[in-house]
Amino acid sequence: MRPCIIIQNDFANKVSRTFVVAIISSVIKDYPHTLIVDSSDLNGLEKKSRIDLLQIRTIDKFRIIREI
């Protein structure tokens, strides 16, 4: 199980059986293609993490376990 962020538009979210997501990792590396995100109650992350925009995936909606 790995956290991710949905990066496709709302219309596609409604009509598609899949989501386009970017992977979130707690291994912090300062690369130009990553975004650093602090943990908070709002995002549900347990520690400071990075969104890796080179790790784009298409996943079935049924693989989503929990939304924040």
PDB file of N, CA and C in Angstrom:
ATOM      1  N   MET A   1       0.843  -1.160   0.000  1.00  0.00           N
ATOM      2  CA  MET A   1       0.000   0.000   0.000  1.00  0.00           C
ATOM      3  C   MET A   1       0.898   1.235   0.000  1.00  0.00           C
ATOM      4  N   ARG A   2       0.624   2.160  -0.914  1.00  0.00           N
ATOM      5  CA  ARG A   2       1.442   3.358  -1.046  1.00  0.00           C
ATOM      6  C   ARG A   2       0.525   4.558  -1.239  1.00  0.00           C
ATOM      7  N   PRO A   3       0.819   5.659  -0.544  1.00  0.00           N
ATOM      8  CA  PRO A   3       0.013   6.857  -0.760  1.00  0.00           C
ATOM      9  C   PRO A   3       0.284   7.449  -2.139  1.00  0.00           C
ATOM     10  N   CYS A   4      -0.725   8.123  -2.669  1.00  0.00           N
ATOM     11  CA  CYS A   4      -0.591   8.772  -3.974  1.00  0.00           C
ATOM     12  C   CYS A   4      -1.544   9.956  -4.017  1.00  0.00           C
ATOM     13  N   ILE A   5      -1.374  10.769  -5.045  1.00  0.00           N
ATOM     14  CA  ILE A   5      -2.252  11.915  -5.247  1.00  0.00           C
ATOM     15  C   ILE A   5      -2.828  11.821  -6.657  1.00  0.00           C
ATOM     16  N   ILE A   6      -4.130  12.032  -6.773  1.00  0.00           N
ATOM     17  CA  ILE A   6      -4.790  11.988  -8.081  1.00  0.00           C
ATOM     18  C   ILE A   6      -4.444  13.268  -8.822  1.00  0.00           C
ATOM     19  N   ILE A   7      -4.001  13.119 -10.077  1.00  0.00           N
ATOM     20  CA  ILE A   7      -3.560  14.295 -10.837  1.00  0.00           C
ATOM     21  C   ILE A   7      -4.351  14.498 -12.128  1.00  0.00           C
ATOM     22  N   GLN A   8      -5.461  13.780 -12.292  1.00  0.00           N
ATOM     23  CA  GLN A   8      -6.285  14.008 -13.474  1.00  0.00           C
ATOM     24  C   GLN A   8      -7.451  14.920 -13.109  1.00  0.00           C
ATOM     25  N   ASN A   9      -8.130  15.443 -14.128  1.00  0.00           N
ATOM     26  CA  ASN A   9      -9.188  16.419 -13.862  1.00  0.00           C
ATOM     27  C   ASN A   9     -10.471  15.766 -13.344  1.00  0.00           C
ATOM     28  N   ASP A  10     -11.358  16.584 -12.791  1.00  0.00           N
ATOM     29  CA  ASP A  10     -12.584  16.089 -12.164  1.00  0.00           C
ATOM     30  C   ASP A  10     -13.492  15.358 -13.149  1.00  0.00           C
ATOM     31  N   PHE A  11     -13.589  15.837 -14.382  1.00  0.00           N
ATOM     32  CA  PHE A  11     -14.435  15.171 -15.373  1.00  0.00           C
ATOM     33  C   PHE A  11     -13.952  13.748 -15.619  1.00  0.00           C
ATOM     34  N   ALA A  12     -12.664  13.583 -15.809  1.00  0.00           N
ATOM     35  CA  ALA A  12     -12.109  12.244 -16.033  1.00  0.00           C
ATOM     36  C   ALA A  12     -12.322  11.361 -14.808  1.00  0.00           C
ATOM     37  N   ASN A  13     -12.245  11.939 -13.622  1.00  0.00           N
ATOM     38  CA  ASN A  13     -12.486  11.166 -12.399  1.00  0.00           C
ATOM     39  C   ASN A  13     -13.897  10.592 -12.376  1.00  0.00           C
ATOM     40  N   LYS A  14     -14.861  11.336 -12.895  1.00  0.00           N
ATOM     41  CA  LYS A  14     -16.261  10.902 -12.873  1.00  0.00           C
ATOM     42  C   LYS A  14     -16.573   9.849 -13.928  1.00  0.00           C
ATOM     43  N   VAL A  15     -15.963   9.942 -15.109  1.00  0.00           N
ATOM     44  CA  VAL A  15     -16.361   9.062 -16.212  1.00  0.00           C
ATOM     45  C   VAL A  15     -15.428   7.875 -16.434  1.00  0.00           C
ATOM     46  N   SER A  16     -14.269   7.901 -15.854  1.00  0.00           N
ATOM     47  CA  SER A  16     -13.281   6.846 -16.089  1.00  0.00           C
ATOM     48  C   SER A  16     -13.306   5.808 -14.979  1.00  0.00           C
ATOM     49  N   ARG A  17     -12.892   4.594 -15.310  1.00  0.00           N
ATOM     50  CA  ARG A  17     -12.757   3.537 -14.304  1.00  0.00           C
ATOM     51  C   ARG A  17     -11.373   3.564 -13.656  1.00  0.00           C
ATOM     52  N   THR A  18     -10.537   4.484 -14.105  1.00  0.00           N
ATOM     53  CA  THR A  18      -9.173   4.552 -13.592  1.00  0.00           C
ATOM     54  C   THR A  18      -8.852   5.966 -13.111  1.00  0.00           C
ATOM     55  N   PHE A  19      -7.805   6.055 -12.324  1.00  0.00           N
ATOM     56  CA  PHE A  19      -7.251   7.333 -11.887  1.00  0.00           C
ATOM     57  C   PHE A  19      -5.814   7.426 -12.371  1.00  0.00           C
ATOM     58  N   VAL A  20      -5.384   8.630 -12.733  1.00  0.00           N
ATOM     59  CA  VAL A  20      -3.973   8.897 -12.993  1.00  0.00           C
ATOM     60  C   VAL A  20      -3.428   9.507 -11.706  1.00  0.00           C
ATOM     61  N   VAL A  21      -2.376   8.879 -11.164  1.00  0.00           N
ATOM     62  CA  VAL A  21      -1.865   9.287  -9.860  1.00  0.00           C
ATOM     63  C   VAL A  21      -0.352   9.497  -9.907  1.00  0.00           C
ATOM     64  N   ALA A  22       0.144  10.285  -8.970  1.00  0.00           N
ATOM     65  CA  ALA A  22       1.584  10.434  -8.737  1.00  0.00           C
ATOM     66  C   ALA A  22       1.882   9.801  -7.382  1.00  0.00           C
ATOM     67  N   ILE A  23       2.977   9.079  -7.313  1.00  0.00           N
ATOM     68  CA  ILE A  23       3.366   8.345  -6.118  1.00  0.00           C
ATOM     69  C   ILE A  23       3.926   9.301  -5.058  1.00  0.00           C
ATOM     70  N   ILE A  24       3.614   9.019  -3.797  1.00  0.00           N
ATOM     71  CA  ILE A  24       4.142   9.777  -2.664  1.00  0.00           C
ATOM     72  C   ILE A  24       5.080   8.875  -1.876  1.00  0.00           C
ATOM     73  N   SER A  25       6.248   9.403  -1.524  1.00  0.00           N
ATOM     74  CA  SER A  25       7.245   8.632  -0.777  1.00  0.00           C
ATOM     75  C   SER A  25       7.759   9.457   0.394  1.00  0.00           C
ATOM     76  N   SER A  26       8.110   8.781   1.483  1.00  0.00           N
ATOM     77  CA  SER A  26       8.679   9.487   2.632  1.00  0.00           C
ATOM     78  C   SER A  26      10.200   9.607   2.531  1.00  0.00           C
ATOM     79  N   VAL A  27      10.785   9.036   1.485  1.00  0.00           N
ATOM     80  CA  VAL A  27      12.224   9.188   1.235  1.00  0.00           C
ATOM     81  C   VAL A  27      12.415  10.533   0.533  1.00  0.00           C
ATOM     82  N   ILE A  28      13.013  11.474   1.232  1.00  0.00           N
ATOM     83  CA  ILE A  28      13.146  12.837   0.711  1.00  0.00           C
ATOM     84  C   ILE A  28      14.399  12.951  -0.148  1.00  0.00           C
ATOM     85  N   LYS A  29      14.187  13.294  -1.403  1.00  0.00           N
ATOM     86  CA  LYS A  29      15.280  13.597  -2.332  1.00  0.00           C
ATOM     87  C   LYS A  29      14.899  14.886  -3.036  1.00  0.00           C
ATOM     88  N   ASP A  30      15.799  15.810  -3.081  1.00  0.00           N
ATOM     89  CA  ASP A  30      15.518  17.119  -3.654  1.00  0.00           C
ATOM     90  C   ASP A  30      15.833  17.118  -5.144  1.00  0.00           C
ATOM     91  N   TYR A  31      14.894  16.632  -5.933  1.00  0.00           N
ATOM     92  CA  TYR A  31      15.027  16.631  -7.384  1.00  0.00           C
ATOM     93  C   TYR A  31      14.054  17.653  -7.964  1.00  0.00           C
ATOM     94  N   PRO A  32      14.336  18.161  -9.161  1.00  0.00           N
ATOM     95  CA  PRO A  32      13.445  19.158  -9.761  1.00  0.00           C
ATOM     96  C   PRO A  32      12.043  18.624 -10.059  1.00  0.00           C
ATOM     97  N   HIS A  33      11.897  17.316 -10.194  1.00  0.00           N
ATOM     98  CA  HIS A  33      10.600  16.727 -10.540  1.00  0.00           C
ATOM     99  C   HIS A  33       9.806  16.274  -9.313  1.00  0.00           C
ATOM    100  N   THR A  34      10.207  16.704  -8.114  1.00  0.00           N
ATOM    101  CA  THR A  34       9.488  16.322  -6.899  1.00  0.00           C
ATOM    102  C   THR A  34       8.945  17.545  -6.174  1.00  0.00           C
ATOM    103  N   LEU A  35       7.884  17.325  -5.426  1.00  0.00           N
ATOM    104  CA  LEU A  35       7.303  18.357  -4.573  1.00  0.00           C
ATOM    105  C   LEU A  35       7.351  17.851  -3.138  1.00  0.00           C
ATOM    106  N   ILE A  36       7.866  18.647  -2.232  1.00  0.00           N
ATOM    107  CA  ILE A  36       7.955  18.268  -0.827  1.00  0.00           C
ATOM    108  C   ILE A  36       6.657  18.686  -0.127  1.00  0.00           C
ATOM    109  N   VAL A  37       6.104  17.763   0.668  1.00  0.00           N
ATOM    110  CA  VAL A  37       4.847  17.994   1.373  1.00  0.00           C
ATOM    111  C   VAL A  37       5.054  17.677   2.853  1.00  0.00           C
ATOM    112  N   ASP A  38       4.721  18.623   3.718  1.00  0.00           N
ATOM    113  CA  ASP A  38       4.788  18.371   5.160  1.00  0.00           C
ATOM    114  C   ASP A  38       3.605  17.511   5.585  1.00  0.00           C
ATOM    115  N   SER A  39       3.800  16.717   6.609  1.00  0.00           N
ATOM    116  CA  SER A  39       2.699  15.907   7.133  1.00  0.00           C
ATOM    117  C   SER A  39       1.717  16.802   7.883  1.00  0.00           C
ATOM    118  N   SER A  40       0.448  16.402   7.857  1.00  0.00           N
ATOM    119  CA  SER A  40      -0.585  17.145   8.578  1.00  0.00           C
ATOM    120  C   SER A  40      -1.812  16.255   8.748  1.00  0.00           C
ATOM    121  N   ASP A  41      -2.711  16.682   9.616  1.00  0.00           N
ATOM    122  CA  ASP A  41      -3.977  15.965   9.769  1.00  0.00           C
ATOM    123  C   ASP A  41      -4.801  16.050   8.489  1.00  0.00           C
ATOM    124  N   LEU A  42      -4.649  17.138   7.761  1.00  0.00           N
ATOM    125  CA  LEU A  42      -5.418  17.342   6.534  1.00  0.00           C
ATOM    126  C   LEU A  42      -5.037  16.344   5.443  1.00  0.00           C
ATOM    127  N   ASN A  43      -3.729  16.089   5.256  1.00  0.00           N
ATOM    128  CA  ASN A  43      -3.322  15.179   4.179  1.00  0.00           C
ATOM    129  C   ASN A  43      -3.116  13.742   4.649  1.00  0.00           C
ATOM    130  N   GLY A  44      -3.115  13.502   5.939  1.00  0.00           N
ATOM    131  CA  GLY A  44      -3.015  12.142   6.454  1.00  0.00           C
ATOM    132  C   GLY A  44      -1.636  11.513   6.389  1.00  0.00           C
ATOM    133  N   LEU A  45      -0.634  12.273   5.973  1.00  0.00           N
ATOM    134  CA  LEU A  45       0.724  11.732   5.915  1.00  0.00           C
ATOM    135  C   LEU A  45       1.329  11.712   7.310  1.00  0.00           C
ATOM    136  N   GLU A  46       2.057  10.655   7.620  1.00  0.00           N
ATOM    137  CA  GLU A  46       2.650  10.519   8.952  1.00  0.00           C
ATOM    138  C   GLU A  46       3.951  11.295   9.106  1.00  0.00           C
ATOM    139  N   LYS A  47       4.651  11.531   7.988  1.00  0.00           N
ATOM    140  CA  LYS A  47       5.874  12.332   8.050  1.00  0.00           C
ATOM    141  C   LYS A  47       6.077  13.080   6.738  1.00  0.00           C
ATOM    142  N   LYS A  48       7.010  14.016   6.765  1.00  0.00           N
ATOM    143  CA  LYS A  48       7.328  14.806   5.584  1.00  0.00           C
ATOM    144  C   LYS A  48       7.580  13.866   4.411  1.00  0.00           C
ATOM    145  N   SER A  49       7.026  14.185   3.248  1.00  0.00           N
ATOM    146  CA  SER A  49       7.096  13.283   2.099  1.00  0.00           C
ATOM    147  C   SER A  49       7.341  14.064   0.821  1.00  0.00           C
ATOM    148  N   ARG A  50       7.510  13.323  -0.261  1.00  0.00           N
ATOM    149  CA  ARG A  50       7.673  13.960  -1.567  1.00  0.00           C
ATOM    150  C   ARG A  50       6.724  13.329  -2.568  1.00  0.00           C
ATOM    151  N   ILE A  51       6.188  14.148  -3.445  1.00  0.00           N
ATOM    152  CA  ILE A  51       5.395  13.678  -4.571  1.00  0.00           C
ATOM    153  C   ILE A  51       6.348  13.587  -5.747  1.00  0.00           C
ATOM    154  N   ASP A  52       6.475  12.403  -6.314  1.00  0.00           N
ATOM    155  CA  ASP A  52       7.425  12.164  -7.401  1.00  0.00           C
ATOM    156  C   ASP A  52       6.686  12.219  -8.736  1.00  0.00           C
ATOM    157  N   LEU A  53       6.880  13.296  -9.475  1.00  0.00           N
ATOM    158  CA  LEU A  53       6.167  13.501 -10.727  1.00  0.00           C
ATOM    159  C   LEU A  53       6.757  12.719 -11.896  1.00  0.00           C
ATOM    160  N   LEU A  54       7.798  11.933 -11.645  1.00  0.00           N
ATOM    161  CA  LEU A  54       8.272  10.977 -12.648  1.00  0.00           C
ATOM    162  C   LEU A  54       7.684   9.587 -12.407  1.00  0.00           C
ATOM    163  N   GLN A  55       6.971   9.434 -11.313  1.00  0.00           N
ATOM    164  CA  GLN A  55       6.341   8.151 -10.980  1.00  0.00           C
ATOM    165  C   GLN A  55       4.826   8.262 -11.162  1.00  0.00           C
ATOM    166  N   ILE A  56       4.407   8.461 -12.409  1.00  0.00           N
ATOM    167  CA  ILE A  56       2.996   8.587 -12.755  1.00  0.00           C
ATOM    168  C   ILE A  56       2.460   7.200 -13.089  1.00  0.00           C
ATOM    169  N   ARG A  57       1.289   6.876 -12.544  1.00  0.00           N
ATOM    170  CA  ARG A  57       0.675   5.569 -12.765  1.00  0.00           C
ATOM    171  C   ARG A  57      -0.808   5.740 -13.076  1.00  0.00           C
ATOM    172  N   THR A  58      -1.357   4.771 -13.794  1.00  0.00           N
ATOM    173  CA  THR A  58      -2.797   4.665 -13.982  1.00  0.00           C
ATOM    174  C   THR A  58      -3.255   3.456 -13.191  1.00  0.00           C
ATOM    175  N   ILE A  59      -4.193   3.675 -12.282  1.00  0.00           N
ATOM    176  CA  ILE A  59      -4.661   2.577 -11.439  1.00  0.00           C
ATOM    177  C   ILE A  59      -6.187   2.490 -11.491  1.00  0.00           C
ATOM    178  N   ASP A  60      -6.714   1.313 -11.272  1.00  0.00           N
ATOM    179  CA  ASP A  60      -8.147   1.091 -11.215  1.00  0.00           C
ATOM    180  C   ASP A  60      -8.709   1.760  -9.961  1.00  0.00           C
ATOM    181  N   LYS A  61      -9.896   2.347 -10.081  1.00  0.00           N
ATOM    182  CA  LYS A  61     -10.515   3.025  -8.939  1.00  0.00           C
ATOM    183  C   LYS A  61     -10.692   2.100  -7.740  1.00  0.00           C
ATOM    184  N   PHE A  62     -10.877   0.834  -7.991  1.00  0.00           N
ATOM    185  CA  PHE A  62     -11.122  -0.108  -6.897  1.00  0.00           C
ATOM    186  C   PHE A  62      -9.875  -0.373  -6.052  1.00  0.00           C
ATOM    187  N   ARG A  63      -8.712   0.092  -6.500  1.00  0.00           N
ATOM    188  CA  ARG A  63      -7.484  -0.061  -5.708  1.00  0.00           C
ATOM    189  C   ARG A  63      -7.347   1.016  -4.633  1.00  0.00           C
ATOM    190  N   ILE A  64      -8.176   2.051  -4.719  1.00  0.00           N
ATOM    191  CA  ILE A  64      -8.143   3.114  -3.720  1.00  0.00           C
ATOM    192  C   ILE A  64      -8.752   2.578  -2.422  1.00  0.00           C
ATOM    193  N   ILE A  65      -7.986   2.615  -1.355  1.00  0.00           N
ATOM    194  CA  ILE A  65      -8.436   2.089  -0.073  1.00  0.00           C
ATOM    195  C   ILE A  65      -9.087   3.178   0.775  1.00  0.00           C
ATOM    196  N   ARG A  66      -8.481   4.366   0.752  1.00  0.00           N
ATOM    197  CA  ARG A  66      -8.969   5.440   1.612  1.00  0.00           C
ATOM    198  C   ARG A  66      -8.705   6.774   0.940  1.00  0.00           C
ATOM    199  N   GLU A  67      -9.673   7.670   1.010  1.00  0.00           N
ATOM    200  CA  GLU A  67      -9.505   9.024   0.484  1.00  0.00           C
ATOM    201  C   GLU A  67      -9.347   9.994   1.637  1.00  0.00           C
ATOM    202  N   ILE A  68      -8.569  11.039   1.388  1.00  0.00           N
ATOM    203  CA  ILE A  68      -8.384  12.076   2.400  1.00  0.00           C
ATOM    204  C   ILE A  68      -8.939  13.377   1.857  1.00  0.00           C
TER     205      ILE A  68
END
